[in-house]
mmCIF file of all heavy atoms, coordinates in Angstrom:
data_MODEL
# 
_entry.id   MODEL 
# 
loop_
_atom_site.group_PDB 
_atom_site.id 
_atom_site.type_symbol 
_atom_site.label_atom_id 
_atom_site.label_alt_id 
_atom_site.label_comp_id 
_atom_site.label_asym_id 
_atom_site.label_entity_id 
_atom_site.label_seq_id 
_atom_site.pdbx_PDB_ins_code 
_atom_site.Cartn_x 
_atom_site.Cartn_y 
_atom_site.Cartn_z 
_atom_site.occupancy 
_atom_site.B_iso_or_equiv 
_atom_site.pdbx_formal_charge 
_atom_site.auth_seq_id 
_atom_site.auth_comp_id 
_atom_site.auth_asym_id 
_atom_site.auth_atom_id 
_atom_site.pdbx_PDB_model_num 
ATOM 1   N N   . LYS A 1 1  ? -9.561  -10.856 -0.086 1.00 0.00 ? 1  LYS A N   1 
ATOM 2   C CA  . LYS A 1 1  ? -10.126 -12.222 0.018  1.00 0.00 ? 1  LYS A CA  1 
ATOM 3   C C   . LYS A 1 1  ? -9.272  -13.070 0.964  1.00 0.00 ? 1  LYS A C   1 
ATOM 4   O O   . LYS A 1 1  ? -9.784  -13.870 1.746  1.00 0.00 ? 1  LYS A O   1 
ATOM 5   C CB  . LYS A 1 1  ? -10.170 -12.889 -1.368 1.00 0.00 ? 1  LYS A CB  1 
ATOM 6   C CG  . LYS A 1 1  ? -11.239 -12.338 -2.291 1.00 0.00 ? 1  LYS A CG  1 
ATOM 7   C CD  . LYS A 1 1  ? -12.599 -12.913 -1.935 1.00 0.00 ? 1  LYS A CD  1 
ATOM 8   C CE  . LYS A 1 1  ? -13.679 -12.417 -2.858 1.00 0.00 ? 1  LYS A CE  1 
ATOM 9   N NZ  . LYS A 1 1  ? -15.013 -12.816 -2.407 1.00 0.00 ? 1  LYS A NZ  1 
ATOM 10  N N   . GLN A 1 2  ? -7.960  -12.896 0.869  1.00 0.00 ? 2  GLN A N   1 
ATOM 11  C CA  . GLN A 1 2  ? -7.076  -13.682 1.735  1.00 0.00 ? 2  GLN A CA  1 
ATOM 12  C C   . GLN A 1 2  ? -7.242  -13.277 3.203  1.00 0.00 ? 2  GLN A C   1 
ATOM 13  O O   . GLN A 1 2  ? -7.227  -14.140 4.085  1.00 0.00 ? 2  GLN A O   1 
ATOM 14  C CB  . GLN A 1 2  ? -5.620  -13.528 1.267  1.00 0.00 ? 2  GLN A CB  1 
ATOM 15  C CG  . GLN A 1 2  ? -5.395  -14.162 -0.102 1.00 0.00 ? 2  GLN A CG  1 
ATOM 16  C CD  . GLN A 1 2  ? -3.927  -14.314 -0.465 1.00 0.00 ? 2  GLN A CD  1 
ATOM 17  O OE1 . GLN A 1 2  ? -3.159  -13.371 -0.426 1.00 0.00 ? 2  GLN A OE1 1 
ATOM 18  N NE2 . GLN A 1 2  ? -3.538  -15.514 -0.846 1.00 0.00 ? 2  GLN A NE2 1 
ATOM 19  N N   . ILE A 1 3  ? -7.432  -11.977 3.462  1.00 0.00 ? 3  ILE A N   1 
ATOM 20  C CA  . ILE A 1 3  ? -7.703  -11.541 4.842  1.00 0.00 ? 3  ILE A CA  1 
ATOM 21  C C   . ILE A 1 3  ? -8.966  -12.238 5.351  1.00 0.00 ? 3  ILE A C   1 
ATOM 22  O O   . ILE A 1 3  ? -9.023  -12.731 6.482  1.00 0.00 ? 3  ILE A O   1 
ATOM 23  C CB  . ILE A 1 3  ? -7.889  -10.002 4.917  1.00 0.00 ? 3  ILE A CB  1 
ATOM 24  C CG1 . ILE A 1 3  ? -6.593  -9.268  4.561  1.00 0.00 ? 3  ILE A CG1 1 
ATOM 25  C CG2 . ILE A 1 3  ? -8.355  -9.583  6.322  1.00 0.00 ? 3  ILE A CG2 1 
ATOM 26  C CD1 . ILE A 1 3  ? -6.759  -7.759  4.372  1.00 0.00 ? 3  ILE A CD1 1 
ATOM 27  N N   . GLY A 1 4  ? -10.002 -12.304 4.492  1.00 0.00 ? 4  GLY A N   1 
ATOM 28  C CA  . GLY A 1 4  ? -11.258 -12.959 4.858  1.00 0.00 ? 4  GLY A CA  1 
ATOM 29  C C   . GLY A 1 4  ? -11.083 -14.439 5.121  1.00 0.00 ? 4  GLY A C   1 
ATOM 30  O O   . GLY A 1 4  ? -11.611 -14.981 6.104  1.00 0.00 ? 4  GLY A O   1 
ATOM 31  N N   . ASN A 1 5  ? -10.328 -15.118 4.268  1.00 0.00 ? 5  ASN A N   1 
ATOM 32  C CA  . ASN A 1 5  ? -10.112 -16.562 4.439  1.00 0.00 ? 5  ASN A CA  1 
ATOM 33  C C   . ASN A 1 5  ? -9.356  -16.874 5.726  1.00 0.00 ? 5  ASN A C   1 
ATOM 34  O O   . ASN A 1 5  ? -9.611  -17.878 6.389  1.00 0.00 ? 5  ASN A O   1 
ATOM 35  C CB  . ASN A 1 5  ? -9.371  -17.139 3.233  1.00 0.00 ? 5  ASN A CB  1 
ATOM 36  C CG  . ASN A 1 5  ? -10.271 -17.253 2.019  1.00 0.00 ? 5  ASN A CG  1 
ATOM 37  O OD1 . ASN A 1 5  ? -11.497 -17.318 2.142  1.00 0.00 ? 5  ASN A OD1 1 
ATOM 38  N ND2 . ASN A 1 5  ? -9.690  -17.270 0.828  1.00 0.00 ? 5  ASN A ND2 1 
ATOM 39  N N   . VAL A 1 6  ? -8.410  -15.995 6.089  1.00 0.00 ? 6  VAL A N   1 
ATOM 40  C CA  . VAL A 1 6  ? -7.671  -16.177 7.353  1.00 0.00 ? 6  VAL A CA  1 
ATOM 41  C C   . VAL A 1 6  ? -8.623  -15.986 8.536  1.00 0.00 ? 6  VAL A C   1 
ATOM 42  O O   . VAL A 1 6  ? -8.541  -16.693 9.546  1.00 0.00 ? 6  VAL A O   1 
ATOM 43  C CB  . VAL A 1 6  ? -6.465  -15.208 7.416  1.00 0.00 ? 6  VAL A CB  1 
ATOM 44  C CG1 . VAL A 1 6  ? -5.861  -15.150 8.822  1.00 0.00 ? 6  VAL A CG1 1 
ATOM 45  C CG2 . VAL A 1 6  ? -5.394  -15.634 6.404  1.00 0.00 ? 6  VAL A CG2 1 
ATOM 46  N N   . ALA A 1 7  ? -9.583  -15.049 8.382  1.00 0.00 ? 7  ALA A N   1 
ATOM 47  C CA  . ALA A 1 7  ? -10.575 -14.806 9.450  1.00 0.00 ? 7  ALA A CA  1 
ATOM 48  C C   . ALA A 1 7  ? -11.467 -16.019 9.681  1.00 0.00 ? 7  ALA A C   1 
ATOM 49  O O   . ALA A 1 7  ? -12.148 -16.103 10.704 1.00 0.00 ? 7  ALA A O   1 
ATOM 50  C CB  . ALA A 1 7  ? -11.427 -13.583 9.097  1.00 0.00 ? 7  ALA A CB  1 
ATOM 51  N N   . ALA A 1 8  ? -11.468 -16.966 8.742  1.00 0.00 ? 8  ALA A N   1 
ATOM 52  C CA  . ALA A 1 8  ? -12.288 -18.180 8.870  1.00 0.00 ? 8  ALA A CA  1 
ATOM 53  C C   . ALA A 1 8  ? -11.514 -19.348 9.495  1.00 0.00 ? 8  ALA A C   1 
ATOM 54  O O   . ALA A 1 8  ? -12.067 -20.432 9.662  1.00 0.00 ? 8  ALA A O   1 
ATOM 55  C CB  . ALA A 1 8  ? -12.814 -18.583 7.491  1.00 0.00 ? 8  ALA A CB  1 
ATOM 56  N N   . LEU A 1 9  ? -10.238 -19.146 9.828  1.00 0.00 ? 9  LEU A N   1 
ATOM 57  C CA  . LEU A 1 9  ? -9.453  -20.252 10.405 1.00 0.00 ? 9  LEU A CA  1 
ATOM 58  C C   . LEU A 1 9  ? -9.881  -20.522 11.848 1.00 0.00 ? 9  LEU A C   1 
ATOM 59  O O   . LEU A 1 9  ? -10.222 -19.598 12.590 1.00 0.00 ? 9  LEU A O   1 
ATOM 60  C CB  . LEU A 1 9  ? -7.955  -19.912 10.364 1.00 0.00 ? 9  LEU A CB  1 
ATOM 61  C CG  . LEU A 1 9  ? -7.294  -19.945 8.973  1.00 0.00 ? 9  LEU A CG  1 
ATOM 62  C CD1 . LEU A 1 9  ? -5.867  -19.419 9.056  1.00 0.00 ? 9  LEU A CD1 1 
ATOM 63  C CD2 . LEU A 1 9  ? -7.295  -21.359 8.391  1.00 0.00 ? 9  LEU A CD2 1 
ATOM 64  N N   . PRO A 1 10 ? -9.847  -21.800 12.278 1.00 0.00 ? 10 PRO A N   1 
ATOM 65  C CA  . PRO A 1 10 ? -10.261 -22.144 13.645 1.00 0.00 ? 10 PRO A CA  1 
ATOM 66  C C   . PRO A 1 10 ? -9.365  -21.506 14.701 1.00 0.00 ? 10 PRO A C   1 
ATOM 67  O O   . PRO A 1 10 ? -8.142  -21.504 14.563 1.00 0.00 ? 10 PRO A O   1 
ATOM 68  C CB  . PRO A 1 10 ? -10.102 -23.677 13.680 1.00 0.00 ? 10 PRO A CB  1 
ATOM 69  C CG  . PRO A 1 10 ? -10.087 -24.118 12.250 1.00 0.00 ? 10 PRO A CG  1 
ATOM 70  C CD  . PRO A 1 10 ? -9.493  -22.991 11.468 1.00 0.00 ? 10 PRO A CD  1 
ATOM 71  N N   . GLY A 1 11 ? -9.992  -20.957 15.734 1.00 0.00 ? 11 GLY A N   1 
ATOM 72  C CA  . GLY A 1 11 ? -9.239  -20.442 16.886 1.00 0.00 ? 11 GLY A CA  1 
ATOM 73  C C   . GLY A 1 11 ? -8.730  -19.019 16.758 1.00 0.00 ? 11 GLY A C   1 
ATOM 74  O O   . GLY A 1 11 ? -8.070  -18.517 17.673 1.00 0.00 ? 11 GLY A O   1 
ATOM 75  N N   . ILE A 1 12 ? -9.038  -18.343 15.627 1.00 0.00 ? 12 ILE A N   1 
ATOM 76  C CA  . ILE A 1 12 ? -8.554  -16.967 15.462 1.00 0.00 ? 12 ILE A CA  1 
ATOM 77  C C   . ILE A 1 12 ? -9.285  -16.042 16.443 1.00 0.00 ? 12 ILE A C   1 
ATOM 78  O O   . ILE A 1 12 ? -10.466 -16.242 16.719 1.00 0.00 ? 12 ILE A O   1 
ATOM 79  C CB  . ILE A 1 12 ? -8.723  -16.485 13.997 1.00 0.00 ? 12 ILE A CB  1 
ATOM 80  C CG1 . ILE A 1 12 ? -8.051  -15.103 13.804 1.00 0.00 ? 12 ILE A CG1 1 
ATOM 81  C CG2 . ILE A 1 12 ? -10.177 -16.467 13.552 1.00 0.00 ? 12 ILE A CG2 1 
ATOM 82  C CD1 . ILE A 1 12 ? -7.945  -14.649 12.355 1.00 0.00 ? 12 ILE A CD1 1 
ATOM 83  N N   . VAL A 1 13 ? -8.566  -15.052 16.984 1.00 0.00 ? 13 VAL A N   1 
ATOM 84  C CA  . VAL A 1 13 ? -9.182  -14.081 17.892 1.00 0.00 ? 13 VAL A CA  1 
ATOM 85  C C   . VAL A 1 13 ? -8.922  -12.663 17.375 1.00 0.00 ? 13 VAL A C   1 
ATOM 86  O O   . VAL A 1 13 ? -8.033  -12.445 16.558 1.00 0.00 ? 13 VAL A O   1 
ATOM 87  C CB  . VAL A 1 13 ? -8.645  -14.205 19.341 1.00 0.00 ? 13 VAL A CB  1 
ATOM 88  C CG1 . VAL A 1 13 ? -9.050  -15.523 19.969 1.00 0.00 ? 13 VAL A CG1 1 
ATOM 89  C CG2 . VAL A 1 13 ? -7.126  -14.029 19.384 1.00 0.00 ? 13 VAL A CG2 1 
ATOM 90  N N   . GLY A 1 14 ? -9.707  -11.715 17.891 1.00 0.00 ? 14 GLY A N   1 
ATOM 91  C CA  . GLY A 1 14 ? -9.533  -10.320 17.480 1.00 0.00 ? 14 GLY A CA  1 
ATOM 92  C C   . GLY A 1 14 ? -10.015 -10.114 16.064 1.00 0.00 ? 14 GLY A C   1 
ATOM 93  O O   . GLY A 1 14 ? -11.186 -10.328 15.755 1.00 0.00 ? 14 GLY A O   1 
ATOM 94  N N   . ARG A 1 15 ? -9.096  -9.758  15.178 1.00 0.00 ? 15 ARG A N   1 
ATOM 95  C CA  . ARG A 1 15 ? -9.423  -9.559  13.765 1.00 0.00 ? 15 ARG A CA  1 
ATOM 96  C C   . ARG A 1 15 ? -8.292  -10.092 12.904 1.00 0.00 ? 15 ARG A C   1 
ATOM 97  O O   . ARG A 1 15 ? -7.142  -10.169 13.357 1.00 0.00 ? 15 ARG A O   1 
ATOM 98  C CB  . ARG A 1 15 ? -9.589  -8.059  13.471 1.00 0.00 ? 15 ARG A CB  1 
ATOM 99  C CG  . ARG A 1 15 ? -10.645 -7.386  14.334 1.00 0.00 ? 15 ARG A CG  1 
ATOM 100 C CD  . ARG A 1 15 ? -10.779 -5.902  14.035 1.00 0.00 ? 15 ARG A CD  1 
ATOM 101 N NE  . ARG A 1 15 ? -9.582  -5.145  14.369 1.00 0.00 ? 15 ARG A NE  1 
ATOM 102 C CZ  . ARG A 1 15 ? -9.481  -3.817  14.265 1.00 0.00 ? 15 ARG A CZ  1 
ATOM 103 N NH1 . ARG A 1 15 ? -10.508 -3.117  13.830 1.00 0.00 ? 15 ARG A NH1 1 
ATOM 104 N NH2 . ARG A 1 15 ? -8.384  -3.180  14.591 1.00 0.00 ? 15 ARG A NH2 1 
ATOM 105 N N   . SER A 1 16 ? -8.609  -10.448 11.675 1.00 0.00 ? 16 SER A N   1 
ATOM 106 C CA  . SER A 1 16 ? -7.573  -10.759 10.689 1.00 0.00 ? 16 SER A CA  1 
ATOM 107 C C   . SER A 1 16 ? -7.107  -9.416  10.133 1.00 0.00 ? 16 SER A C   1 
ATOM 108 O O   . SER A 1 16 ? -7.907  -8.647  9.606  1.00 0.00 ? 16 SER A O   1 
ATOM 109 C CB  . SER A 1 16 ? -8.163  -11.631 9.576  1.00 0.00 ? 16 SER A CB  1 
ATOM 110 O OG  . SER A 1 16 ? -7.224  -11.818 8.539  1.00 0.00 ? 16 SER A OG  1 
ATOM 111 N N   . VAL A 1 17 ? -5.817  -9.107  10.298 1.00 0.00 ? 17 VAL A N   1 
ATOM 112 C CA  . VAL A 1 17 ? -5.316  -7.747  10.043 1.00 0.00 ? 17 VAL A CA  1 
ATOM 113 C C   . VAL A 1 17 ? -4.485  -7.693  8.761  1.00 0.00 ? 17 VAL A C   1 
ATOM 114 O O   . VAL A 1 17 ? -3.540  -8.467  8.585  1.00 0.00 ? 17 VAL A O   1 
ATOM 115 C CB  . VAL A 1 17 ? -4.452  -7.264  11.232 1.00 0.00 ? 17 VAL A CB  1 
ATOM 116 C CG1 . VAL A 1 17 ? -3.879  -5.873  10.959 1.00 0.00 ? 17 VAL A CG1 1 
ATOM 117 C CG2 . VAL A 1 17 ? -5.258  -7.273  12.525 1.00 0.00 ? 17 VAL A CG2 1 
ATOM 118 N N   . GLY A 1 18 ? -4.833  -6.748  7.881  1.00 0.00 ? 18 GLY A N   1 
ATOM 119 C CA  . GLY A 1 18 ? -4.042  -6.466  6.687  1.00 0.00 ? 18 GLY A CA  1 
ATOM 120 C C   . GLY A 1 18 ? -3.333  -5.139  6.861  1.00 0.00 ? 18 GLY A C   1 
ATOM 121 O O   . GLY A 1 18 ? -3.967  -4.111  7.134  1.00 0.00 ? 18 GLY A O   1 
ATOM 122 N N   . LEU A 1 19 ? -2.017  -5.139  6.750  1.00 0.00 ? 19 LEU A N   1 
ATOM 123 C CA  . LEU A 1 19 ? -1.225  -3.916  6.930  1.00 0.00 ? 19 LEU A CA  1 
ATOM 124 C C   . LEU A 1 19 ? -1.048  -3.206  5.586  1.00 0.00 ? 19 LEU A C   1 
ATOM 125 O O   . LEU A 1 19 ? -1.318  -3.797  4.533  1.00 0.00 ? 19 LEU A O   1 
ATOM 126 C CB  . LEU A 1 19 ? 0.091   -4.287  7.608  1.00 0.00 ? 19 LEU A CB  1 
ATOM 127 C CG  . LEU A 1 19 ? -0.207  -4.791  9.037  1.00 0.00 ? 19 LEU A CG  1 
ATOM 128 C CD1 . LEU A 1 19 ? 0.794   -5.799  9.503  1.00 0.00 ? 19 LEU A CD1 1 
ATOM 129 C CD2 . LEU A 1 19 ? -0.340  -3.638  10.015 1.00 0.00 ? 19 LEU A CD2 1 
ATOM 130 N N   . PRO A 1 20 ? -0.612  -1.951  5.568  1.00 0.00 ? 20 PRO A N   1 
ATOM 131 C CA  . PRO A 1 20 ? -0.645  -1.170  4.326  1.00 0.00 ? 20 PRO A CA  1 
ATOM 132 C C   . PRO A 1 20 ? 0.207   -1.721  3.173  1.00 0.00 ? 20 PRO A C   1 
ATOM 133 O O   . PRO A 1 20 ? -0.039  -1.394  2.016  1.00 0.00 ? 20 PRO A O   1 
ATOM 134 C CB  . PRO A 1 20 ? -0.113  0.206   4.747  1.00 0.00 ? 20 PRO A CB  1 
ATOM 135 C CG  . PRO A 1 20 ? -0.277  0.261   6.213  1.00 0.00 ? 20 PRO A CG  1 
ATOM 136 C CD  . PRO A 1 20 ? -0.181  -1.139  6.719  1.00 0.00 ? 20 PRO A CD  1 
ATOM 137 N N   . ASP A 1 21 ? 1.202   -2.557  3.485  1.00 0.00 ? 21 ASP A N   1 
ATOM 138 C CA  . ASP A 1 21 ? 2.043   -3.128  2.424  1.00 0.00 ? 21 ASP A CA  1 
ATOM 139 C C   . ASP A 1 21 ? 1.500   -4.468  1.929  1.00 0.00 ? 21 ASP A C   1 
ATOM 140 O O   . ASP A 1 21 ? 2.189   -5.220  1.252  1.00 0.00 ? 21 ASP A O   1 
ATOM 141 C CB  . ASP A 1 21 ? 3.486   -3.298  2.914  1.00 0.00 ? 21 ASP A CB  1 
ATOM 142 C CG  . ASP A 1 21 ? 3.586   -3.955  4.283  1.00 0.00 ? 21 ASP A CG  1 
ATOM 143 O OD1 . ASP A 1 21 ? 2.568   -4.024  4.997  1.00 0.00 ? 21 ASP A OD1 1 
ATOM 144 O OD2 . ASP A 1 21 ? 4.700   -4.391  4.656  1.00 0.00 ? 21 ASP A OD2 1 
ATOM 145 N N   . ILE A 1 22 ? 0.244   -4.766  2.243  1.00 0.00 ? 22 ILE A N   1 
ATOM 146 C CA  . ILE A 1 22 ? -0.325  -6.085  1.921  1.00 0.00 ? 22 ILE A CA  1 
ATOM 147 C C   . ILE A 1 22 ? -0.357  -6.349  0.413  1.00 0.00 ? 22 ILE A C   1 
ATOM 148 O O   . ILE A 1 22 ? -0.637  -5.457  -0.383 1.00 0.00 ? 22 ILE A O   1 
ATOM 149 C CB  . ILE A 1 22 ? -1.742  -6.218  2.531  1.00 0.00 ? 22 ILE A CB  1 
ATOM 150 C CG1 . ILE A 1 22 ? -2.233  -7.663  2.434  1.00 0.00 ? 22 ILE A CG1 1 
ATOM 151 C CG2 . ILE A 1 22 ? -2.728  -5.237  1.905  1.00 0.00 ? 22 ILE A CG2 1 
ATOM 152 C CD1 . ILE A 1 22 ? -3.434  -7.949  3.322  1.00 0.00 ? 22 ILE A CD1 1 
ATOM 153 N N   . HIS A 1 23 ? -0.014  -7.574  0.038  1.00 0.00 ? 23 HIS A N   1 
ATOM 154 C CA  . HIS A 1 23 ? -0.191  -8.034  -1.348 1.00 0.00 ? 23 HIS A CA  1 
ATOM 155 C C   . HIS A 1 23 ? -0.329  -9.557  -1.330 1.00 0.00 ? 23 HIS A C   1 
ATOM 156 O O   . HIS A 1 23 ? 0.057   -10.220 -0.370 1.00 0.00 ? 23 HIS A O   1 
ATOM 157 C CB  . HIS A 1 23 ? 0.948   -7.583  -2.261 1.00 0.00 ? 23 HIS A CB  1 
ATOM 158 C CG  . HIS A 1 23 ? 2.322   -7.983  -1.798 1.00 0.00 ? 23 HIS A CG  1 
ATOM 159 N ND1 . HIS A 1 23 ? 2.928   -7.417  -0.693 1.00 0.00 ? 23 HIS A ND1 1 
ATOM 160 C CD2 . HIS A 1 23 ? 3.214   -8.871  -2.281 1.00 0.00 ? 23 HIS A CD2 1 
ATOM 161 C CE1 . HIS A 1 23 ? 4.130   -7.943  -0.531 1.00 0.00 ? 23 HIS A CE1 1 
ATOM 162 N NE2 . HIS A 1 23 ? 4.325   -8.837  -1.473 1.00 0.00 ? 23 HIS A NE2 1 
ATOM 163 N N   . SER A 1 24 ? -0.915  -10.099 -2.387 1.00 0.00 ? 24 SER A N   1 
ATOM 164 C CA  . SER A 1 24 ? -1.269  -11.522 -2.423 1.00 0.00 ? 24 SER A CA  1 
ATOM 165 C C   . SER A 1 24 ? -0.056  -12.411 -2.168 1.00 0.00 ? 24 SER A C   1 
ATOM 166 O O   . SER A 1 24 ? 1.034   -12.156 -2.664 1.00 0.00 ? 24 SER A O   1 
ATOM 167 C CB  . SER A 1 24 ? -1.848  -11.865 -3.803 1.00 0.00 ? 24 SER A CB  1 
ATOM 168 O OG  . SER A 1 24 ? -3.000  -11.097 -4.016 1.00 0.00 ? 24 SER A OG  1 
ATOM 169 N N   . GLY A 1 25 ? -0.287  -13.472 -1.402 1.00 0.00 ? 25 GLY A N   1 
ATOM 170 C CA  . GLY A 1 25 ? 0.778   -14.421 -1.108 1.00 0.00 ? 25 GLY A CA  1 
ATOM 171 C C   . GLY A 1 25 ? 0.224   -15.833 -1.030 1.00 0.00 ? 25 GLY A C   1 
ATOM 172 O O   . GLY A 1 25 ? -0.942  -16.069 -1.347 1.00 0.00 ? 25 GLY A O   1 
# 
């Protein structure tokens, strides 16, 4: 969900990327 919310921020390009050690912050 957090990856998705970051993808909604203004001006983001490419993709919102989650790396294998990802955990909620």
